[in-house]
């Protein structure tokens, strides 16, 4: 007798492997409600959830779905109350907060969680939205203490001591202002900072105290006034605070002053003449690029 292997009879591990190539929406549209076994497997599978793509309310009437990674947009406050209660965060490994609306400054952590006054009084988050984001953050941090590893955010997380990978895009100038030595990320191994505002070496010294065992550091600085191009100061910071650092990348993006038609100063010759940087040039790199 010839045996026929049906899709529904595939082992769970193989189904998970197939799902890895699909978005959450694709999985739901293609396989959900075909049979009870597939429904159960889909709800066990740690999905990659993009909140803005989850518009079908009916999908979330059948129980909870495991969430491996979560992407949240500034406009997702409409979907959050509908979807978040139906996600299981116990295996969450990564969260990305991103935004398309420049009017929505400091999205959303610093002012929502710490009740700080916004720098621009015209930009307001209503209390209902504050409550939603606060509930969301609470659910993420309390249910993922040991599994959460990767965060793409605009503020320093205060209660994620197990975090290993962190990306911060400093779209506003508030990040350096709110740096505090009370924050500690002892497990952090990789840090990527993109700053659209000028920092100081004092800001970096406070920042580096937060993750003493960092292995990889990638910094992109948009330069509007004067580049932080003093190689000896960077060397001092690394030797003092980041003794475990293996890879370091520093990239200056020199922004043109359109009013005066010139560029801020950036002189990297000190990096090229210093033996410390020459000996580490395969691992420690410094570049500039005019935009």
C-alpha atoms as a PDB file:
ATOM      1  CA  UNK A   1       0.000   0.000   0.000  1.00  0.00           C
ATOM      2  CA  UNK A   2       1.366   3.415  -0.967  1.00  0.00           C
ATOM      3  CA  UNK A   3       1.570   5.867   1.922  1.00  0.00           C
ATOM      4  CA  UNK A   4       0.898   9.525   1.188  1.00  0.00           C
ATOM      5  CA  UNK A   5       2.635  12.123   3.332  1.00  0.00           C
ATOM      6  CA  UNK A   6       0.290  15.026   3.937  1.00  0.00           C
ATOM      7  CA  UNK A   7       1.517  18.462   4.960  1.00  0.00           C
ATOM      8  CA  UNK A   8      -0.411  18.185   8.196  1.00  0.00           C
ATOM      9  CA  UNK A   9       1.590  15.085   9.134  1.00  0.00           C
ATOM     10  CA  UNK A  10       4.978  16.812   8.972  1.00  0.00           C
ATOM     11  CA  UNK A  11       6.865  16.948  12.301  1.00  0.00           C
ATOM     12  CA  UNK A  12       6.636  20.164  14.308  1.00  0.00           C
ATOM     13  CA  UNK A  13      10.349  20.886  13.861  1.00  0.00           C
ATOM     14  CA  UNK A  14      10.004  20.841  10.066  1.00  0.00           C
ATOM     15  CA  UNK A  15       6.914  23.062  10.186  1.00  0.00           C
ATOM     16  CA  UNK A  16       8.835  25.526  12.372  1.00  0.00           C
ATOM     17  CA  UNK A  17      11.612  25.515   9.771  1.00  0.00           C
ATOM     18  CA  UNK A  18       9.104  26.375   7.041  1.00  0.00           C
ATOM     19  CA  UNK A  19       7.525  29.110   9.151  1.00  0.00           C
ATOM     20  CA  UNK A  20      10.961  30.726   9.624  1.00  0.00           C
ATOM     21  CA  UNK A  21      10.776  31.867   5.990  1.00  0.00           C
ATOM     22  CA  UNK A  22       7.345  33.444   6.363  1.00  0.00           C
ATOM     23  CA  UNK A  23       5.910  36.509   8.039  1.00  0.00           C
ATOM     24  CA  UNK A  24       3.290  36.129  10.728  1.00  0.00           C
ATOM     25  CA  UNK A  25       0.604  37.302   8.306  1.00  0.00           C
ATOM     26  CA  UNK A  26       1.721  34.755   5.704  1.00  0.00           C
ATOM     27  CA  UNK A  27       1.556  31.946   8.247  1.00  0.00           C
ATOM     28  CA  UNK A  28      -1.929  32.923   9.372  1.00  0.00           C
ATOM     29  CA  UNK A  29      -3.328  33.415   5.869  1.00  0.00           C
ATOM     30  CA  UNK A  30      -1.800  30.212   4.497  1.00  0.00           C
ATOM     31  CA  UNK A  31      -2.183  27.679   7.278  1.00  0.00           C
ATOM     32  CA  UNK A  32      -4.413  28.819  10.117  1.00  0.00           C
ATOM     33  CA  UNK A  33      -7.797  27.099  10.468  1.00  0.00           C
ATOM     34  CA  UNK A  34      -6.827  24.303   8.053  1.00  0.00           C
ATOM     35  CA  UNK A  35      -6.951  21.757  10.870  1.00  0.00           C
ATOM     36  CA  UNK A  36      -6.639  21.711  14.671  1.00  0.00           C
ATOM     37  CA  UNK A  37      -3.043  20.383  14.631  1.00  0.00           C
ATOM     38  CA  UNK A  38      -1.785  23.217  12.448  1.00  0.00           C
ATOM     39  CA  UNK A  39      -3.629  25.745  14.589  1.00  0.00           C
ATOM     40  CA  UNK A  40      -1.865  24.379  17.664  1.00  0.00           C
ATOM     41  CA  UNK A  41       1.556  24.367  15.968  1.00  0.00           C
ATOM     42  CA  UNK A  42       1.111  27.956  14.770  1.00  0.00           C
ATOM     43  CA  UNK A  43       0.278  29.110  18.274  1.00  0.00           C
ATOM     44  CA  UNK A  44       3.380  27.346  19.622  1.00  0.00           C
ATOM     45  CA  UNK A  45       5.673  28.771  16.943  1.00  0.00           C
ATOM     46  CA  UNK A  46       7.667  31.840  18.128  1.00  0.00           C
ATOM     47  CA  UNK A  47       6.594  34.315  15.445  1.00  0.00           C
ATOM     48  CA  UNK A  48       8.136  37.558  14.257  1.00  0.00           C
ATOM     49  CA  UNK A  49       5.346  40.081  14.827  1.00  0.00           C
ATOM     50  CA  UNK A  50       5.200  43.388  12.945  1.00  0.00           C
ATOM     51  CA  UNK A  51       2.403  45.162  14.743  1.00  0.00           C
ATOM     52  CA  UNK A  52       1.372  47.462  11.901  1.00  0.00           C
ATOM     53  CA  UNK A  53       0.719  44.444   9.650  1.00  0.00           C
ATOM     54  CA  UNK A  54      -1.676  42.815  12.099  1.00  0.00           C
ATOM     55  CA  UNK A  55      -5.029  44.221  11.009  1.00  0.00           C
ATOM     56  CA  UNK A  56      -7.258  41.157  11.076  1.00  0.00           C
ATOM     57  CA  UNK A  57      -9.075  41.185  14.423  1.00  0.00           C
ATOM     58  CA  UNK A  58     -10.520  37.720  13.820  1.00  0.00           C
ATOM     59  CA  UNK A  59      -7.068  36.127  13.959  1.00  0.00           C
ATOM     60  CA  UNK A  60      -6.648  37.083  17.601  1.00  0.00           C
ATOM     61  CA  UNK A  61      -9.916  35.540  18.732  1.00  0.00           C
ATOM     62  CA  UNK A  62      -8.476  32.023  18.801  1.00  0.00           C
ATOM     63  CA  UNK A  63      -6.018  32.318  21.673  1.00  0.00           C
ATOM     64  CA  UNK A  64      -2.448  33.474  22.307  1.00  0.00           C
ATOM     65  CA  UNK A  65       0.460  33.404  19.886  1.00  0.00           C
ATOM     66  CA  UNK A  66       4.102  32.986  20.840  1.00  0.00           C
ATOM     67  CA  UNK A  67       6.157  36.077  19.990  1.00  0.00           C
ATOM     68  CA  UNK A  68       9.888  35.847  19.231  1.00  0.00           C
ATOM     69  CA  UNK A  69      10.408  39.401  17.982  1.00  0.00           C
ATOM     70  CA  UNK A  70       8.182  42.472  18.042  1.00  0.00           C
ATOM     71  CA  UNK A  71       8.303  45.589  15.863  1.00  0.00           C
ATOM     72  CA  UNK A  72       6.269  48.588  17.004  1.00  0.00           C
ATOM     73  CA  UNK A  73       5.574  51.772  15.083  1.00  0.00           C
ATOM     74  CA  UNK A  74       4.554  55.148  16.521  1.00  0.00           C
ATOM     75  CA  UNK A  75       1.155  54.701  14.853  1.00  0.00           C
ATOM     76  CA  UNK A  76       0.515  51.274  16.377  1.00  0.00           C
ATOM     77  CA  UNK A  77      -1.406  52.578  19.393  1.00  0.00           C
ATOM     78  CA  UNK A  78      -4.565  51.538  17.543  1.00  0.00           C
ATOM     79  CA  UNK A  79      -3.448  47.922  17.250  1.00  0.00           C
ATOM     80  CA  UNK A  80      -1.756  47.565  20.633  1.00  0.00           C
ATOM     81  CA  UNK A  81      -4.896  47.119  22.808  1.00  0.00           C
ATOM     82  CA  UNK A  82      -6.339  44.656  20.285  1.00  0.00           C
ATOM     83  CA  UNK A  83      -3.258  42.505  19.755  1.00  0.00           C
ATOM     84  CA  UNK A  84      -0.841  42.662  22.696  1.00  0.00           C
ATOM     85  CA  UNK A  85      -3.098  40.727  25.147  1.00  0.00           C
ATOM     86  CA  UNK A  86      -3.058  37.836  22.655  1.00  0.00           C
ATOM     87  CA  UNK A  87       0.746  37.554  22.463  1.00  0.00           C
ATOM     88  CA  UNK A  88       2.890  35.358  24.676  1.00  0.00           C
ATOM     89  CA  UNK A  89       6.247  37.046  25.429  1.00  0.00           C
ATOM     90  CA  UNK A  90       7.921  34.216  27.369  1.00  0.00           C
ATOM     91  CA  UNK A  91      10.268  33.511  24.428  1.00  0.00           C
ATOM     92  CA  UNK A  92      10.680  37.092  23.259  1.00  0.00           C
ATOM     93  CA  UNK A  93      14.251  37.844  22.150  1.00  0.00           C
ATOM     94  CA  UNK A  94      14.073  41.164  20.294  1.00  0.00           C
ATOM     95  CA  UNK A  95      12.010  44.373  20.243  1.00  0.00           C
ATOM     96  CA  UNK A  96      12.316  47.214  17.759  1.00  0.00           C
ATOM     97  CA  UNK A  97      10.625  50.573  18.315  1.00  0.00           C
ATOM     98  CA  UNK A  98      10.579  52.650  15.184  1.00  0.00           C
ATOM     99  CA  UNK A  99       8.615  55.586  13.884  1.00  0.00           C
ATOM    100  CA  UNK A 100       7.717  57.386  10.695  1.00  0.00           C
ATOM    101  CA  UNK A 101       6.245  60.517  12.241  1.00  0.00           C
ATOM    102  CA  UNK A 102       8.943  63.073  13.236  1.00  0.00           C
ATOM    103  CA  UNK A 103       6.298  64.951  15.266  1.00  0.00           C
ATOM    104  CA  UNK A 104       6.270  62.060  17.717  1.00  0.00           C
ATOM    105  CA  UNK A 105       9.487  62.876  19.575  1.00  0.00           C
ATOM    106  CA  UNK A 106      11.242  60.534  22.020  1.00  0.00           C
ATOM    107  CA  UNK A 107       8.979  57.602  21.201  1.00  0.00           C
ATOM    108  CA  UNK A 108       7.831  56.443  23.684  1.00  0.00           C
ATOM    109  CA  UNK A 109       9.768  55.406  26.756  1.00  0.00           C
ATOM    110  CA  UNK A 110      11.216  58.391  28.526  1.00  0.00           C
ATOM    111  CA  UNK A 111       8.110  60.528  28.844  1.00  0.00           C
ATOM    112  CA  UNK A 112       5.627  57.686  29.078  1.00  0.00           C
ATOM    113  CA  UNK A 113       7.431  55.733  31.781  1.00  0.00           C
ATOM    114  CA  UNK A 114       9.075  58.538  33.734  1.00  0.00           C
ATOM    115  CA  UNK A 115       6.335  61.173  33.328  1.00  0.00           C
ATOM    116  CA  UNK A 116       8.867  63.802  32.250  1.00  0.00           C
ATOM    117  CA  UNK A 117       7.551  66.946  30.633  1.00  0.00           C
ATOM    118  CA  UNK A 118       8.028  67.014  26.912  1.00  0.00           C
ATOM    119  CA  UNK A 119      10.481  69.625  25.564  1.00  0.00           C
ATOM    120  CA  UNK A 120       7.926  70.839  23.062  1.00  0.00           C
ATOM    121  CA  UNK A 121       4.550  71.575  24.623  1.00  0.00           C
ATOM    122  CA  UNK A 122       2.843  71.221  21.269  1.00  0.00           C
ATOM    123  CA  UNK A 123       3.814  67.538  21.112  1.00  0.00           C
ATOM    124  CA  UNK A 124       1.602  65.662  23.528  1.00  0.00           C
ATOM    125  CA  UNK A 125       0.769  62.049  24.270  1.00  0.00           C
ATOM    126  CA  UNK A 126      -2.684  61.657  25.764  1.00  0.00           C
ATOM    127  CA  UNK A 127      -3.108  59.744  29.018  1.00  0.00           C
ATOM    128  CA  UNK A 128      -4.785  56.787  27.338  1.00  0.00           C
ATOM    129  CA  UNK A 129      -1.815  56.328  25.017  1.00  0.00           C
ATOM    130  CA  UNK A 130       0.598  56.674  27.927  1.00  0.00           C
ATOM    131  CA  UNK A 131      -1.277  53.925  29.749  1.00  0.00           C
ATOM    132  CA  UNK A 132      -1.145  51.662  26.707  1.00  0.00           C
ATOM    133  CA  UNK A 133       2.613  52.034  26.251  1.00  0.00           C
ATOM    134  CA  UNK A 134       3.258  51.637  29.945  1.00  0.00           C
ATOM    135  CA  UNK A 135       1.236  48.424  30.002  1.00  0.00           C
ATOM    136  CA  UNK A 136       3.065  47.180  26.921  1.00  0.00           C
ATOM    137  CA  UNK A 137       6.497  47.864  28.370  1.00  0.00           C
ATOM    138  CA  UNK A 138       5.530  46.243  31.651  1.00  0.00           C
ATOM    139  CA  UNK A 139       4.347  43.077  29.872  1.00  0.00           C
ATOM    140  CA  UNK A 140       7.564  42.875  27.864  1.00  0.00           C
ATOM    141  CA  UNK A 141       9.951  43.351  30.785  1.00  0.00           C
ATOM    142  CA  UNK A 142       8.130  41.099  33.266  1.00  0.00           C
ATOM    143  CA  UNK A 143       7.626  38.136  30.949  1.00  0.00           C
ATOM    144  CA  UNK A 144      11.005  38.057  29.205  1.00  0.00           C
ATOM    145  CA  UNK A 145      13.573  38.554  31.955  1.00  0.00           C
ATOM    146  CA  UNK A 146      15.763  35.607  30.953  1.00  0.00           C
ATOM    147  CA  UNK A 147      15.100  35.338  27.217  1.00  0.00           C
ATOM    148  CA  UNK A 148      15.168  38.969  26.057  1.00  0.00           C
ATOM    149  CA  UNK A 149      18.418  39.723  24.248  1.00  0.00           C
ATOM    150  CA  UNK A 150      18.068  42.418  21.566  1.00  0.00           C
ATOM    151  CA  UNK A 151      16.523  45.885  21.784  1.00  0.00           C
ATOM    152  CA  UNK A 152      16.356  48.603  19.135  1.00  0.00           C
ATOM    153  CA  UNK A 153      15.242  51.716  20.950  1.00  0.00           C
ATOM    154  CA  UNK A 154      15.652  55.456  21.488  1.00  0.00           C
ATOM    155  CA  UNK A 155      16.276  55.403  25.230  1.00  0.00           C
ATOM    156  CA  UNK A 156      18.524  53.486  27.607  1.00  0.00           C
ATOM    157  CA  UNK A 157      16.508  50.574  29.090  1.00  0.00           C
ATOM    158  CA  UNK A 158      16.541  50.666  32.866  1.00  0.00           C
ATOM    159  CA  UNK A 159      15.481  47.168  33.913  1.00  0.00           C
ATOM    160  CA  UNK A 160      16.801  44.712  31.322  1.00  0.00           C
ATOM    161  CA  UNK A 161      19.949  43.398  32.977  1.00  0.00           C
ATOM    162  CA  UNK A 162      20.012  40.316  30.702  1.00  0.00           C
ATOM    163  CA  UNK A 163      20.170  42.367  27.503  1.00  0.00           C
ATOM    164  CA  UNK A 164      23.048  41.371  25.184  1.00  0.00           C
ATOM    165  CA  UNK A 165      22.416  43.434  22.024  1.00  0.00           C
ATOM    166  CA  UNK A 166      21.297  47.056  22.038  1.00  0.00           C
ATOM    167  CA  UNK A 167      20.716  49.540  19.211  1.00  0.00           C
ATOM    168  CA  UNK A 168      19.893  53.154  20.064  1.00  0.00           C
ATOM    169  CA  UNK A 169      19.015  55.797  17.522  1.00  0.00           C
ATOM    170  CA  UNK A 170      19.286  59.162  19.233  1.00  0.00           C
ATOM    171  CA  UNK A 171      16.813  61.085  17.067  1.00  0.00           C
ATOM    172  CA  UNK A 172      16.385  63.811  19.686  1.00  0.00           C
ATOM    173  CA  UNK A 173      18.980  65.452  21.943  1.00  0.00           C
ATOM    174  CA  UNK A 174      17.490  63.997  25.115  1.00  0.00           C
ATOM    175  CA  UNK A 175      19.420  60.733  25.303  1.00  0.00           C
ATOM    176  CA  UNK A 176      22.722  62.197  26.463  1.00  0.00           C
ATOM    177  CA  UNK A 177      20.924  64.516  28.892  1.00  0.00           C
ATOM    178  CA  UNK A 178      19.214  61.603  30.668  1.00  0.00           C
ATOM    179  CA  UNK A 179      22.259  59.355  30.983  1.00  0.00           C
ATOM    180  CA  UNK A 180      22.689  58.189  34.535  1.00  0.00           C
ATOM    181  CA  UNK A 181      25.192  55.956  36.286  1.00  0.00           C
ATOM    182  CA  UNK A 182      22.339  54.177  38.059  1.00  0.00           C
ATOM    183  CA  UNK A 183      21.666  52.156  34.893  1.00  0.00           C
ATOM    184  CA  UNK A 184      23.631  48.943  34.457  1.00  0.00           C
ATOM    185  CA  UNK A 185      23.672  46.472  31.569  1.00  0.00           C
ATOM    186  CA  UNK A 186      26.265  43.937  32.747  1.00  0.00           C
ATOM    187  CA  UNK A 187      25.439  41.338  30.085  1.00  0.00           C
ATOM    188  CA  UNK A 188      25.570  43.707  27.133  1.00  0.00           C
ATOM    189  CA  UNK A 189      28.017  42.477  24.488  1.00  0.00           C
ATOM    190  CA  UNK A 190      27.124  44.511  21.387  1.00  0.00           C
ATOM    191  CA  UNK A 191      26.078  48.163  21.244  1.00  0.00           C
ATOM    192  CA  UNK A 192      25.188  50.244  18.179  1.00  0.00           C
ATOM    193  CA  UNK A 193      24.594  53.988  18.656  1.00  0.00           C
ATOM    194  CA  UNK A 194      23.340  56.340  15.940  1.00  0.00           C
ATOM    195  CA  UNK A 195      23.281  59.938  17.163  1.00  0.00           C
ATOM    196  CA  UNK A 196      21.804  62.802  15.166  1.00  0.00           C
ATOM    197  CA  UNK A 197      22.971  65.310  17.786  1.00  0.00           C
ATOM    198  CA  UNK A 198      26.397  66.380  19.019  1.00  0.00           C
ATOM    199  CA  UNK A 199      27.694  64.537  22.072  1.00  0.00           C
ATOM    200  CA  UNK A 200      30.568  65.246  24.432  1.00  0.00           C
ATOM    201  CA  UNK A 201      33.294  62.940  25.746  1.00  0.00           C
ATOM    202  CA  UNK A 202      31.709  63.335  29.179  1.00  0.00           C
ATOM    203  CA  UNK A 203      28.478  61.855  27.779  1.00  0.00           C
ATOM    204  CA  UNK A 204      30.392  58.855  26.458  1.00  0.00           C
ATOM    205  CA  UNK A 205      32.248  58.322  29.717  1.00  0.00           C
ATOM    206  CA  UNK A 206      28.920  58.089  31.548  1.00  0.00           C
ATOM    207  CA  UNK A 207      27.495  55.838  28.858  1.00  0.00           C
ATOM    208  CA  UNK A 208      30.404  53.401  28.862  1.00  0.00           C
ATOM    209  CA  UNK A 209      30.178  52.799  32.615  1.00  0.00           C
ATOM    210  CA  UNK A 210      26.857  51.039  31.989  1.00  0.00           C
ATOM    211  CA  UNK A 211      28.301  48.077  30.091  1.00  0.00           C
ATOM    212  CA  UNK A 212      31.784  47.132  31.346  1.00  0.00           C
ATOM    213  CA  UNK A 213      31.969  43.838  29.411  1.00  0.00           C
ATOM    214  CA  UNK A 214      31.123  45.140  25.953  1.00  0.00           C
ATOM    215  CA  UNK A 215      32.740  43.266  23.060  1.00  0.00           C
ATOM    216  CA  UNK A 216      31.494  45.179  20.009  1.00  0.00           C
ATOM    217  CA  UNK A 217      30.866  48.913  19.733  1.00  0.00           C
ATOM    218  CA  UNK A 218      29.612  50.686  16.629  1.00  0.00           C
ATOM    219  CA  UNK A 219      29.061  54.466  16.796  1.00  0.00           C
ATOM    220  CA  UNK A 220      27.674  56.690  14.048  1.00  0.00           C
ATOM    221  CA  UNK A 221      27.814  60.414  14.850  1.00  0.00           C
ATOM    222  CA  UNK A 222      26.175  63.115  12.749  1.00  0.00           C
ATOM    223  CA  UNK A 223      28.530  66.092  13.065  1.00  0.00           C
ATOM    224  CA  UNK A 224      26.953  69.546  12.983  1.00  0.00           C
ATOM    225  CA  UNK A 225      29.641  71.625  14.728  1.00  0.00           C
ATOM    226  CA  UNK A 226      32.936  69.976  15.692  1.00  0.00           C
ATOM    227  CA  UNK A 227      33.826  66.306  15.262  1.00  0.00           C
ATOM    228  CA  UNK A 228      35.026  64.386  18.313  1.00  0.00           C
ATOM    229  CA  UNK A 229      38.248  63.539  16.491  1.00  0.00           C
ATOM    230  CA  UNK A 230      40.704  63.448  19.407  1.00  0.00           C
ATOM    231  CA  UNK A 231      42.230  59.952  19.180  1.00  0.00           C
ATOM    232  CA  UNK A 232      43.904  60.120  22.615  1.00  0.00           C
ATOM    233  CA  UNK A 233      40.593  60.818  24.383  1.00  0.00           C
ATOM    234  CA  UNK A 234      38.881  57.900  22.628  1.00  0.00           C
ATOM    235  CA  UNK A 235      41.804  55.691  23.614  1.00  0.00           C
ATOM    236  CA  UNK A 236      41.518  56.800  27.251  1.00  0.00           C
ATOM    237  CA  UNK A 237      37.784  56.067  27.331  1.00  0.00           C
ATOM    238  CA  UNK A 238      38.249  52.596  25.868  1.00  0.00           C
ATOM    239  CA  UNK A 239      41.118  51.668  28.196  1.00  0.00           C
ATOM    240  CA  UNK A 240      39.330  53.000  31.259  1.00  0.00           C
ATOM    241  CA  UNK A 241      35.802  51.672  30.694  1.00  0.00           C
ATOM    242  CA  UNK A 242      35.842  49.044  27.921  1.00  0.00           C
ATOM    243  CA  UNK A 243      38.763  46.761  28.623  1.00  0.00           C
ATOM    244  CA  UNK A 244      37.007  43.767  27.001  1.00  0.00           C
ATOM    245  CA  UNK A 245      36.303  45.566  23.725  1.00  0.00           C
ATOM    246  CA  UNK A 246      37.260  43.527  20.630  1.00  0.00           C
ATOM    247  CA  UNK A 247      35.723  45.465  17.747  1.00  0.00           C
ATOM    248  CA  UNK A 248      35.248  49.231  17.584  1.00  0.00           C
ATOM    249  CA  UNK A 249      33.853  51.274  14.702  1.00  0.00           C
ATOM    250  CA  UNK A 250      33.542  55.063  14.788  1.00  0.00           C
ATOM    251  CA  UNK A 251      31.902  56.761  11.821  1.00  0.00           C
ATOM    252  CA  UNK A 252      31.559  60.542  11.511  1.00  0.00           C
ATOM    253  CA  UNK A 253      28.857  61.794   9.149  1.00  0.00           C
ATOM    254  CA  UNK A 254      29.839  65.408   8.449  1.00  0.00           C
ATOM    255  CA  UNK A 255      26.703  67.479   7.801  1.00  0.00           C
ATOM    256  CA  UNK A 256      27.033  70.424   5.438  1.00  0.00           C
ATOM    257  CA  UNK A 257      26.136  73.869   6.736  1.00  0.00           C
ATOM    258  CA  UNK A 258      23.902  74.950   3.857  1.00  0.00           C
ATOM    259  CA  UNK A 259      23.656  78.497   5.178  1.00  0.00           C
ATOM    260  CA  UNK A 260      27.407  79.109   4.908  1.00  0.00           C
ATOM    261  CA  UNK A 261      28.196  76.427   2.318  1.00  0.00           C
ATOM    262  CA  UNK A 262      30.867  74.631   4.330  1.00  0.00           C
ATOM    263  CA  UNK A 263      31.423  71.529   6.483  1.00  0.00           C
ATOM    264  CA  UNK A 264      32.368  71.208  10.178  1.00  0.00           C
ATOM    265  CA  UNK A 265      35.982  70.344  10.895  1.00  0.00           C
ATOM    266  CA  UNK A 266      36.976  66.701  11.137  1.00  0.00           C
ATOM    267  CA  UNK A 267      40.656  65.732  11.213  1.00  0.00           C
ATOM    268  CA  UNK A 268      41.414  62.030  11.610  1.00  0.00           C
ATOM    269  CA  UNK A 269      45.190  62.304  11.205  1.00  0.00           C
ATOM    270  CA  UNK A 270      45.779  61.697  14.916  1.00  0.00           C
ATOM    271  CA  UNK A 271      44.239  58.227  14.550  1.00  0.00           C
ATOM    272  CA  UNK A 272      46.587  57.445  11.651  1.00  0.00           C
ATOM    273  CA  UNK A 273      49.693  58.584  13.571  1.00  0.00           C
ATOM    274  CA  UNK A 274      48.970  56.868  16.904  1.00  0.00           C
ATOM    275  CA  UNK A 275      50.544  53.422  17.431  1.00  0.00           C
ATOM    276  CA  UNK A 276      47.593  52.374  19.577  1.00  0.00           C
ATOM    277  CA  UNK A 277      45.231  52.709  16.596  1.00  0.00           C
ATOM    278  CA  UNK A 278      47.747  51.463  14.045  1.00  0.00           C
ATOM    279  CA  UNK A 279      48.253  48.211  15.975  1.00  0.00           C
ATOM    280  CA  UNK A 280      44.492  47.674  16.146  1.00  0.00           C
ATOM    281  CA  UNK A 281      43.512  48.905  12.687  1.00  0.00           C
ATOM    282  CA  UNK A 282      42.025  45.519  11.740  1.00  0.00           C
ATOM    283  CA  UNK A 283      39.621  45.716  14.708  1.00  0.00           C
ATOM    284  CA  UNK A 284      39.340  49.437  15.526  1.00  0.00           C
ATOM    285  CA  UNK A 285      38.276  51.597  12.580  1.00  0.00           C
ATOM    286  CA  UNK A 286      37.512  55.309  12.263  1.00  0.00           C
ATOM    287  CA  UNK A 287      35.970  56.883   9.160  1.00  0.00           C
ATOM    288  CA  UNK A 288      34.396  60.114   7.999  1.00  0.00           C
ATOM    289  CA  UNK A 289      31.859  60.765   5.289  1.00  0.00           C
ATOM    290  CA  UNK A 290      30.429  64.087   4.122  1.00  0.00           C
ATOM    291  CA  UNK A 291      26.689  64.323   3.529  1.00  0.00           C
END
